[in-house]
Amino acid sequence: MSDIYKFLFLGDIFGKTGREVIKEHLNEIKKQNNIDLTIANVENLAHGAGINKKGFKEVIDAGVDIGTSGNHHFQRKDVYKLIEDGIPNLLMPANYPEGVPGNRFGIFKVRDIEVLIINLHGQVLINQNFSNPFKTLERILRKFCDFNGPILVDFHAEATSEKRAMSLYFDGKITGLFGTHTHIQTADNRILPKGTAYITDLGMCGPYDSVIGITLDSVIDNFLYSLPSKFEPATSQPSIQGVILEYSAKDKAVNSIERVLKIY
């Protein structure tokens, strides 16, 4: 069996359009690229904000193996049902305050190796009630200092500077760091000097011609006149966005990180 592993990491799945495009097209992407493990940010599954049990089941049945999250994790009470069920493949940011229930990281068997998946939340220009993500990741890495497999991190953050600093600070200490939250895919996918794969933002799985997933009509009064707006998810031009990471188990190194941008 090959020692080459391919991991597909997808940006935020947004609302019904995101769920539907995953159901219709994810398996073909996985087959075409020989994907071994698929991770997706799922915090926007339910009408663009939050997670519900039905939506989570839909994307898992469609081929997503692990769901990561962010600031909308507890937006809907339905997520507590998933937590109570003890589902191991739904992660929340590890730097939520102590006592908050849920999985902050997980180890998952993929063929002949184990993969450590960690979810973190930023502090800059976003909800600052989270613990310091840098110190949180340091603590987790100390806990798993003997871990021998790839370590993949979803860093759900607003500021590009915070994501960039995180990637460089942990370069060589983790296998890959992938930014989520802004829903706009960046073109800076690369392998950093010490070997860590990085992209500032994976983008979004959802309506491509939209304002980060919602309709222009929903937000334009807010931008023009600073008036409150009721956000409605857009439905046009579904897309799948993310990256494919190729990893050599023999060399314990990343071979490549390539962007995925499919518009249907």
C-alpha atoms as a PDB file:
ATOM      1  CA  MET A   1       0.000   0.000   0.000  1.00  0.00           C
ATOM      2  CA  SER A   2       1.226   3.500  -0.864  1.00  0.00           C
ATOM      3  CA  ASP A   3       2.784   5.644   1.844  1.00  0.00           C
ATOM      4  CA  ILE A   4       1.265   8.731   0.191  1.00  0.00           C
ATOM      5  CA  TYR A   5      -1.841  10.151   1.853  1.00  0.00           C
ATOM      6  CA  LYS A   6      -4.164  12.831   0.537  1.00  0.00           C
ATOM      7  CA  PHE A   7      -6.227  15.037   2.820  1.00  0.00           C
ATOM      8  CA  LEU A   8      -9.034  17.269   1.535  1.00  0.00           C
ATOM      9  CA  PHE A   9      -9.724  20.275   3.775  1.00  0.00           C
ATOM     10  CA  LEU A  10     -12.848  22.253   2.833  1.00  0.00           C
ATOM     11  CA  GLY A  11     -13.892  25.794   3.709  1.00  0.00           C
ATOM     12  CA  ASP A  12     -17.091  26.616   5.611  1.00  0.00           C
ATOM     13  CA  ILE A  13     -20.113  24.719   4.272  1.00  0.00           C
ATOM     14  CA  PHE A  14     -22.732  27.445   4.012  1.00  0.00           C
ATOM     15  CA  GLY A  15     -26.453  26.704   4.305  1.00  0.00           C
ATOM     16  CA  LYS A  16     -28.569  24.588   1.992  1.00  0.00           C
ATOM     17  CA  THR A  17     -26.578  25.515  -1.111  1.00  0.00           C
ATOM     18  CA  GLY A  18     -23.389  24.326   0.587  1.00  0.00           C
ATOM     19  CA  ARG A  19     -24.960  21.090   1.783  1.00  0.00           C
ATOM     20  CA  GLU A  20     -26.424  20.363  -1.640  1.00  0.00           C
ATOM     21  CA  VAL A  21     -23.184  20.970  -3.553  1.00  0.00           C
ATOM     22  CA  ILE A  22     -21.356  18.690  -1.122  1.00  0.00           C
ATOM     23  CA  LYS A  23     -23.975  15.982  -1.611  1.00  0.00           C
ATOM     24  CA  GLU A  24     -23.835  16.289  -5.391  1.00  0.00           C
ATOM     25  CA  HIS A  25     -20.122  16.708  -6.044  1.00  0.00           C
ATOM     26  CA  LEU A  26     -17.909  15.762  -3.087  1.00  0.00           C
ATOM     27  CA  ASN A  27     -17.573  12.096  -3.937  1.00  0.00           C
ATOM     28  CA  GLU A  28     -16.438  12.819  -7.498  1.00  0.00           C
ATOM     29  CA  ILE A  29     -13.710  15.145  -6.178  1.00  0.00           C
ATOM     30  CA  LYS A  30     -12.610  12.497  -3.681  1.00  0.00           C
ATOM     31  CA  LYS A  31     -12.465   9.774  -6.341  1.00  0.00           C
ATOM     32  CA  GLN A  32     -10.635  11.941  -8.873  1.00  0.00           C
ATOM     33  CA  ASN A  33      -7.960  12.846  -6.315  1.00  0.00           C
ATOM     34  CA  ASN A  34      -7.719   9.602  -4.287  1.00  0.00           C
ATOM     35  CA  ILE A  35      -8.631  11.392  -1.060  1.00  0.00           C
ATOM     36  CA  ASP A  36      -8.011   9.468   2.172  1.00  0.00           C
ATOM     37  CA  LEU A  37      -9.609  11.890   4.643  1.00  0.00           C
ATOM     38  CA  THR A  38     -12.000  14.822   4.239  1.00  0.00           C
ATOM     39  CA  ILE A  39     -12.291  17.592   6.824  1.00  0.00           C
ATOM     40  CA  ALA A  40     -14.738  20.484   6.472  1.00  0.00           C
ATOM     41  CA  ASN A  41     -15.714  23.473   8.584  1.00  0.00           C
ATOM     42  CA  VAL A  42     -19.408  22.994   9.388  1.00  0.00           C
ATOM     43  CA  GLU A  43     -20.276  25.964  11.621  1.00  0.00           C
ATOM     44  CA  ASN A  44     -22.514  27.519   8.925  1.00  0.00           C
ATOM     45  CA  LEU A  45     -24.481  24.399   7.995  1.00  0.00           C
ATOM     46  CA  ALA A  46     -27.882  25.522   9.272  1.00  0.00           C
ATOM     47  CA  HIS A  47     -29.213  28.420   7.179  1.00  0.00           C
ATOM     48  CA  GLY A  48     -25.762  30.003   7.170  1.00  0.00           C
ATOM     49  CA  ALA A  49     -25.199  30.153  10.938  1.00  0.00           C
ATOM     50  CA  GLY A  50     -24.875  27.242  13.336  1.00  0.00           C
ATOM     51  CA  ILE A  51     -25.016  23.456  13.246  1.00  0.00           C
ATOM     52  CA  ASN A  52     -28.041  21.195  13.381  1.00  0.00           C
ATOM     53  CA  LYS A  53     -28.193  17.429  13.639  1.00  0.00           C
ATOM     54  CA  LYS A  54     -29.945  16.948  10.288  1.00  0.00           C
ATOM     55  CA  GLY A  55     -27.446  19.076   8.362  1.00  0.00           C
ATOM     56  CA  PHE A  56     -24.451  17.440  10.013  1.00  0.00           C
ATOM     57  CA  LYS A  57     -25.759  13.983   9.115  1.00  0.00           C
ATOM     58  CA  GLU A  58     -26.299  15.099   5.518  1.00  0.00           C
ATOM     59  CA  VAL A  59     -22.695  16.162   4.959  1.00  0.00           C
ATOM     60  CA  ILE A  60     -21.247  13.168   6.833  1.00  0.00           C
ATOM     61  CA  ASP A  61     -23.373  10.826   4.703  1.00  0.00           C
ATOM     62  CA  ALA A  62     -22.142  12.743   1.642  1.00  0.00           C
ATOM     63  CA  GLY A  63     -18.486  11.998   2.418  1.00  0.00           C
ATOM     64  CA  VAL A  64     -17.196  14.500   4.976  1.00  0.00           C
ATOM     65  CA  ASP A  65     -15.266  12.567   7.628  1.00  0.00           C
ATOM     66  CA  ILE A  66     -14.645  15.284  10.245  1.00  0.00           C
ATOM     67  CA  GLY A  67     -16.378  18.595  10.929  1.00  0.00           C
ATOM     68  CA  THR A  68     -14.549  21.559  12.464  1.00  0.00           C
ATOM     69  CA  SER A  69     -16.199  24.736  13.671  1.00  0.00           C
ATOM     70  CA  GLY A  70     -15.854  28.305  14.939  1.00  0.00           C
ATOM     71  CA  ASN A  71     -17.740  31.230  16.457  1.00  0.00           C
ATOM     72  CA  HIS A  72     -21.176  29.920  15.382  1.00  0.00           C
ATOM     73  CA  HIS A  73     -20.683  26.491  16.960  1.00  0.00           C
ATOM     74  CA  PHE A  74     -23.302  27.026  19.689  1.00  0.00           C
ATOM     75  CA  GLN A  75     -25.606  29.296  17.652  1.00  0.00           C
ATOM     76  CA  ARG A  76     -28.295  26.604  17.553  1.00  0.00           C
ATOM     77  CA  LYS A  77     -29.363  24.453  20.498  1.00  0.00           C
ATOM     78  CA  ASP A  78     -29.459  21.419  18.225  1.00  0.00           C
ATOM     79  CA  VAL A  79     -25.661  21.156  18.469  1.00  0.00           C
ATOM     80  CA  TYR A  80     -26.054  20.021  22.096  1.00  0.00           C
ATOM     81  CA  LYS A  81     -27.823  16.894  20.815  1.00  0.00           C
ATOM     82  CA  LEU A  82     -24.718  16.048  18.788  1.00  0.00           C
ATOM     83  CA  ILE A  83     -22.503  16.674  21.815  1.00  0.00           C
ATOM     84  CA  GLU A  84     -24.731  14.517  24.034  1.00  0.00           C
ATOM     85  CA  ASP A  85     -24.539  11.733  21.435  1.00  0.00           C
ATOM     86  CA  GLY A  86     -20.758  11.719  21.918  1.00  0.00           C
ATOM     87  CA  ILE A  87     -20.006  12.058  18.216  1.00  0.00           C
ATOM     88  CA  PRO A  88     -16.192  12.060  17.933  1.00  0.00           C
ATOM     89  CA  ASN A  89     -15.947  13.642  14.486  1.00  0.00           C
ATOM     90  CA  LEU A  90     -17.461  17.043  15.373  1.00  0.00           C
ATOM     91  CA  LEU A  91     -14.789  19.388  16.740  1.00  0.00           C
ATOM     92  CA  MET A  92     -15.090  22.819  18.313  1.00  0.00           C
ATOM     93  CA  PRO A  93     -12.302  25.356  18.877  1.00  0.00           C
ATOM     94  CA  ALA A  94      -9.951  24.045  21.558  1.00  0.00           C
ATOM     95  CA  ASN A  95      -9.613  27.503  23.120  1.00  0.00           C
ATOM     96  CA  TYR A  96     -13.255  27.792  24.168  1.00  0.00           C
ATOM     97  CA  PRO A  97     -13.384  28.522  27.931  1.00  0.00           C
ATOM     98  CA  GLU A  98     -12.911  25.554  30.249  1.00  0.00           C
ATOM     99  CA  GLY A  99     -16.135  23.756  31.072  1.00  0.00           C
ATOM    100  CA  VAL A 100     -17.715  24.217  27.636  1.00  0.00           C
ATOM    101  CA  PRO A 101     -18.726  20.725  26.412  1.00  0.00           C
ATOM    102  CA  GLY A 102     -17.462  19.263  23.173  1.00  0.00           C
ATOM    103  CA  ASN A 103     -14.448  17.774  21.381  1.00  0.00           C
ATOM    104  CA  ARG A 104     -11.547  20.232  21.136  1.00  0.00           C
ATOM    105  CA  PHE A 105      -9.356  17.941  19.018  1.00  0.00           C
ATOM    106  CA  GLY A 106      -9.369  14.345  17.856  1.00  0.00           C
ATOM    107  CA  ILE A 107      -7.133  11.526  16.655  1.00  0.00           C
ATOM    108  CA  PHE A 108      -8.461   9.638  13.651  1.00  0.00           C
ATOM    109  CA  LYS A 109      -7.189   6.421  12.039  1.00  0.00           C
ATOM    110  CA  VAL A 110      -6.567   6.755   8.290  1.00  0.00           C
ATOM    111  CA  ARG A 111      -5.368   3.539   6.657  1.00  0.00           C
ATOM    112  CA  ASP A 112      -2.054   2.782   8.420  1.00  0.00           C
ATOM    113  CA  ILE A 113      -1.532   6.089  10.239  1.00  0.00           C
ATOM    114  CA  GLU A 114      -3.240   8.283  12.812  1.00  0.00           C
ATOM    115  CA  VAL A 115      -4.022  11.963  12.171  1.00  0.00           C
ATOM    116  CA  LEU A 116      -4.414  14.597  14.894  1.00  0.00           C
ATOM    117  CA  ILE A 117      -6.991  17.260  13.988  1.00  0.00           C
ATOM    118  CA  ILE A 118      -7.094  20.463  16.063  1.00  0.00           C
ATOM    119  CA  ASN A 119      -9.610  23.318  15.846  1.00  0.00           C
ATOM    120  CA  LEU A 120      -8.703  26.808  17.108  1.00  0.00           C
ATOM    121  CA  HIS A 121     -10.386  30.219  17.228  1.00  0.00           C
ATOM    122  CA  GLY A 122      -8.751  33.612  16.685  1.00  0.00           C
ATOM    123  CA  GLN A 123      -8.920  36.659  18.955  1.00  0.00           C
ATOM    124  CA  VAL A 124      -8.261  39.596  16.608  1.00  0.00           C
ATOM    125  CA  LEU A 125     -11.319  41.489  15.206  1.00  0.00           C
ATOM    126  CA  ILE A 126     -13.627  38.721  16.398  1.00  0.00           C
ATOM    127  CA  ASN A 127     -15.166  37.388  19.623  1.00  0.00           C
ATOM    128  CA  GLN A 128     -12.337  37.775  22.149  1.00  0.00           C
ATOM    129  CA  ASN A 129     -13.770  35.536  24.883  1.00  0.00           C
ATOM    130  CA  PHE A 130     -11.559  32.690  23.695  1.00  0.00           C
ATOM    131  CA  SER A 131      -8.266  31.773  25.328  1.00  0.00           C
ATOM    132  CA  ASN A 132      -5.042  32.658  23.543  1.00  0.00           C
ATOM    133  CA  PRO A 133      -4.872  30.322  20.501  1.00  0.00           C
ATOM    134  CA  PHE A 134      -1.052  30.342  20.406  1.00  0.00           C
ATOM    135  CA  LYS A 135      -0.731  29.181  24.014  1.00  0.00           C
ATOM    136  CA  THR A 136      -3.597  26.704  23.557  1.00  0.00           C
ATOM    137  CA  LEU A 137      -1.877  25.059  20.605  1.00  0.00           C
ATOM    138  CA  GLU A 138       1.411  24.951  22.514  1.00  0.00           C
ATOM    139  CA  ARG A 139      -0.336  23.106  25.373  1.00  0.00           C
ATOM    140  CA  ILE A 140      -1.926  20.594  22.995  1.00  0.00           C
ATOM    141  CA  LEU A 141       1.374  19.926  21.234  1.00  0.00           C
ATOM    142  CA  ARG A 142       3.061  19.331  24.589  1.00  0.00           C
ATOM    143  CA  LYS A 143       0.289  16.875  25.457  1.00  0.00           C
ATOM    144  CA  PHE A 144       0.902  15.010  22.208  1.00  0.00           C
ATOM    145  CA  CYS A 145       4.682  15.405  22.123  1.00  0.00           C
ATOM    146  CA  ASP A 146       5.095  11.717  21.261  1.00  0.00           C
ATOM    147  CA  PHE A 147       2.479  11.751  18.501  1.00  0.00           C
ATOM    148  CA  ASN A 148       4.029  10.427  15.299  1.00  0.00           C
ATOM    149  CA  GLY A 149       1.457  11.264  12.625  1.00  0.00           C
ATOM    150  CA  PRO A 150       0.381  14.394  10.744  1.00  0.00           C
ATOM    151  CA  ILE A 151      -1.110  17.266  12.747  1.00  0.00           C
ATOM    152  CA  LEU A 152      -3.688  19.402  10.912  1.00  0.00           C
ATOM    153  CA  VAL A 153      -5.122  22.631  12.321  1.00  0.00           C
ATOM    154  CA  ASP A 154      -8.238  24.592  11.346  1.00  0.00           C
ATOM    155  CA  PHE A 155      -7.623  28.148  12.546  1.00  0.00           C
ATOM    156  CA  HIS A 156     -10.971  29.942  12.458  1.00  0.00           C
ATOM    157  CA  ALA A 157      -9.973  33.605  12.526  1.00  0.00           C
ATOM    158  CA  GLU A 158     -10.746  37.003  11.016  1.00  0.00           C
ATOM    159  CA  ALA A 159      -7.366  38.705  10.755  1.00  0.00           C
ATOM    160  CA  THR A 160      -4.902  37.581   8.107  1.00  0.00           C
ATOM    161  CA  SER A 161      -2.077  38.820  10.339  1.00  0.00           C
ATOM    162  CA  GLU A 162      -3.115  36.467  13.156  1.00  0.00           C
ATOM    163  CA  LYS A 163      -3.347  33.502  10.795  1.00  0.00           C
ATOM    164  CA  ARG A 164      -0.001  34.312   9.226  1.00  0.00           C
ATOM    165  CA  ALA A 165       1.720  34.740  12.588  1.00  0.00           C
ATOM    166  CA  MET A 166       0.277  31.448  13.797  1.00  0.00           C
ATOM    167  CA  SER A 167       1.538  29.608  10.722  1.00  0.00           C
ATOM    168  CA  LEU A 168       5.080  30.964  10.965  1.00  0.00           C
ATOM    169  CA  TYR A 169       5.318  30.486  14.737  1.00  0.00           C
ATOM    170  CA  PHE A 170       4.328  26.830  14.432  1.00  0.00           C
ATOM    171  CA  ASP A 171       6.121  26.168  11.140  1.00  0.00           C
ATOM    172  CA  GLY A 172       7.796  22.774  11.398  1.00  0.00           C
ATOM    173  CA  LYS A 173       5.826  21.836  14.527  1.00  0.00           C
ATOM    174  CA  ILE A 174       2.582  20.938  12.727  1.00  0.00           C
ATOM    175  CA  THR A 175       1.842  19.447   9.312  1.00  0.00           C
ATOM    176  CA  GLY A 176      -0.687  21.987   8.100  1.00  0.00           C
ATOM    177  CA  LEU A 177      -2.554  25.099   9.194  1.00  0.00           C
ATOM    178  CA  PHE A 178      -5.648  26.108   7.253  1.00  0.00           C
ATOM    179  CA  GLY A 179      -7.529  29.350   7.832  1.00  0.00           C
ATOM    180  CA  THR A 180     -11.323  29.499   7.826  1.00  0.00           C
ATOM    181  CA  HIS A 181     -14.059  32.052   8.620  1.00  0.00           C
ATOM    182  CA  THR A 182     -13.766  34.769   5.942  1.00  0.00           C
ATOM    183  CA  HIS A 183     -15.372  32.602   3.202  1.00  0.00           C
ATOM    184  CA  ILE A 184     -13.026  34.136   0.573  1.00  0.00           C
ATOM    185  CA  GLN A 185     -10.371  31.767  -0.715  1.00  0.00           C
ATOM    186  CA  THR A 186      -6.860  33.199  -0.680  1.00  0.00           C
ATOM    187  CA  ALA A 187      -4.166  32.418  -3.267  1.00  0.00           C
ATOM    188  CA  ASP A 188      -1.269  31.973  -0.833  1.00  0.00           C
ATOM    189  CA  ASN A 189      -1.281  28.197  -0.477  1.00  0.00           C
ATOM    190  CA  ARG A 190       2.327  27.128   0.076  1.00  0.00           C
ATOM    191  CA  ILE A 191       4.713  24.972   2.055  1.00  0.00           C
ATOM    192  CA  LEU A 192       6.474  27.179   4.613  1.00  0.00           C
ATOM    193  CA  PRO A 193      10.288  27.105   5.061  1.00  0.00           C
ATOM    194  CA  LYS A 194      10.233  24.454   7.818  1.00  0.00           C
ATOM    195  CA  GLY A 195       7.676  22.239   6.079  1.00  0.00           C
ATOM    196  CA  THR A 196       4.219  23.254   7.310  1.00  0.00           C
ATOM    197  CA  ALA A 197       1.489  23.548   4.653  1.00  0.00           C
ATOM    198  CA  TYR A 198      -0.477  26.791   4.864  1.00  0.00           C
ATOM    199  CA  ILE A 199      -3.299  28.835   3.354  1.00  0.00           C
ATOM    200  CA  THR A 200      -4.796  31.975   4.918  1.00  0.00           C
ATOM    201  CA  ASP A 201      -8.367  30.991   4.071  1.00  0.00           C
ATOM    202  CA  LEU A 202      -9.837  27.900   2.458  1.00  0.00           C
ATOM    203  CA  GLY A 203     -12.862  29.779   1.152  1.00  0.00           C
ATOM    204  CA  MET A 204     -16.407  28.429   1.297  1.00  0.00           C
ATOM    205  CA  CYS A 205     -18.616  25.624   0.041  1.00  0.00           C
ATOM    206  CA  GLY A 206     -21.767  27.467  -0.943  1.00  0.00           C
ATOM    207  CA  PRO A 207     -23.143  30.199  -3.230  1.00  0.00           C
ATOM    208  CA  TYR A 208     -20.211  31.689  -5.154  1.00  0.00           C
ATOM    209  CA  ASP A 209     -21.985  34.848  -6.384  1.00  0.00           C
ATOM    210  CA  SER A 210     -22.919  36.151  -2.961  1.00  0.00           C
ATOM    211  CA  VAL A 211     -21.671  38.321  -0.114  1.00  0.00           C
ATOM    212  CA  ILE A 212     -19.757  35.578   1.753  1.00  0.00           C
ATOM    213  CA  GLY A 213     -22.808  33.350   1.395  1.00  0.00           C
ATOM    214  CA  ILE A 214     -25.713  35.768   1.779  1.00  0.00           C
ATOM    215  CA  THR A 215     -27.694  37.791  -0.756  1.00  0.00           C
ATOM    216  CA  LEU A 216     -26.695  41.325  -1.707  1.00  0.00           C
ATOM    217  CA  ASP A 217     -30.242  42.519  -0.940  1.00  0.00           C
ATOM    218  CA  SER A 218     -29.833  41.245   2.629  1.00  0.00           C
ATOM    219  CA  VAL A 219     -26.808  43.408   3.391  1.00  0.00           C
ATOM    220  CA  ILE A 220     -26.840  46.420   1.091  1.00  0.00           C
ATOM    221  CA  ASP A 221     -28.908  48.676   3.412  1.00  0.00           C
ATOM    222  CA  ASN A 222     -26.428  47.918   6.148  1.00  0.00           C
ATOM    223  CA  PHE A 223     -23.522  49.047   3.961  1.00  0.00           C
ATOM    224  CA  LEU A 224     -25.313  52.039   2.443  1.00  0.00           C
ATOM    225  CA  TYR A 225     -27.180  53.374   5.453  1.00  0.00           C
ATOM    226  CA  SER A 226     -25.874  51.457   8.511  1.00  0.00           C
ATOM    227  CA  LEU A 227     -29.352  49.977   9.026  1.00  0.00           C
ATOM    228  CA  PRO A 228     -29.925  46.547  10.597  1.00  0.00           C
ATOM    229  CA  SER A 229     -30.305  43.728   8.073  1.00  0.00           C
ATOM    230  CA  LYS A 230     -31.814  40.265   8.156  1.00  0.00           C
ATOM    231  CA  PHE A 231     -29.310  38.052   6.391  1.00  0.00           C
ATOM    232  CA  GLU A 232     -30.680  35.523   3.896  1.00  0.00           C
ATOM    233  CA  PRO A 233     -28.498  32.807   2.356  1.00  0.00           C
ATOM    234  CA  ALA A 234     -27.961  33.108  -1.394  1.00  0.00           C
ATOM    235  CA  THR A 235     -28.704  30.201  -3.712  1.00  0.00           C
ATOM    236  CA  SER A 236     -26.820  30.993  -6.922  1.00  0.00           C
ATOM    237  CA  GLN A 237     -23.763  29.255  -8.415  1.00  0.00           C
ATOM    238  CA  PRO A 238     -22.768  26.628  -5.874  1.00  0.00           C
ATOM    239  CA  SER A 239     -19.044  26.102  -5.363  1.00  0.00           C
ATOM    240  CA  ILE A 240     -16.647  23.853  -3.472  1.00  0.00           C
ATOM    241  CA  GLN A 241     -13.457  25.439  -2.159  1.00  0.00           C
ATOM    242  CA  GLY A 242     -10.560  24.126  -0.122  1.00  0.00           C
ATOM    243  CA  VAL A 243      -7.167  22.476  -0.472  1.00  0.00           C
ATOM    244  CA  ILE A 244      -5.724  19.037  -1.107  1.00  0.00           C
ATOM    245  CA  LEU A 245      -2.704  18.180   0.987  1.00  0.00           C
ATOM    246  CA  GLU A 246      -0.379  15.386  -0.152  1.00  0.00           C
ATOM    247  CA  TYR A 247       1.591  13.851   2.710  1.00  0.00           C
ATOM    248  CA  SER A 248       4.372  11.256   2.696  1.00  0.00           C
ATOM    249  CA  ALA A 249       4.158   8.953   5.709  1.00  0.00           C
ATOM    250  CA  LYS A 250       7.614   7.588   4.922  1.00  0.00           C
ATOM    251  CA  ASP A 251       9.255  11.028   4.938  1.00  0.00           C
ATOM    252  CA  LYS A 252       6.782  12.545   7.434  1.00  0.00           C
ATOM    253  CA  ALA A 253       6.603  15.542   5.144  1.00  0.00           C
ATOM    254  CA  VAL A 254       4.167  17.489   2.988  1.00  0.00           C
ATOM    255  CA  ASN A 255       4.725  17.010  -0.733  1.00  0.00           C
ATOM    256  CA  SER A 256       2.227  19.600  -1.936  1.00  0.00           C
ATOM    257  CA  ILE A 257      -0.767  21.771  -1.067  1.00  0.00           C
ATOM    258  CA  GLU A 258      -3.102  22.585  -3.957  1.00  0.00           C
ATOM    259  CA  ARG A 259      -6.202  24.755  -3.959  1.00  0.00           C
ATOM    260  CA  VAL A 260      -9.602  23.381  -4.925  1.00  0.00           C
ATOM    261  CA  LEU A 261     -12.043  25.797  -6.569  1.00  0.00           C
ATOM    262  CA  LYS A 262     -14.993  24.182  -8.316  1.00  0.00           C
ATOM    263  CA  ILE A 263     -17.924  26.337  -9.506  1.00  0.00           C
ATOM    264  CA  TYR A 264     -20.989  24.489 -10.762  1.00  0.00           C
END
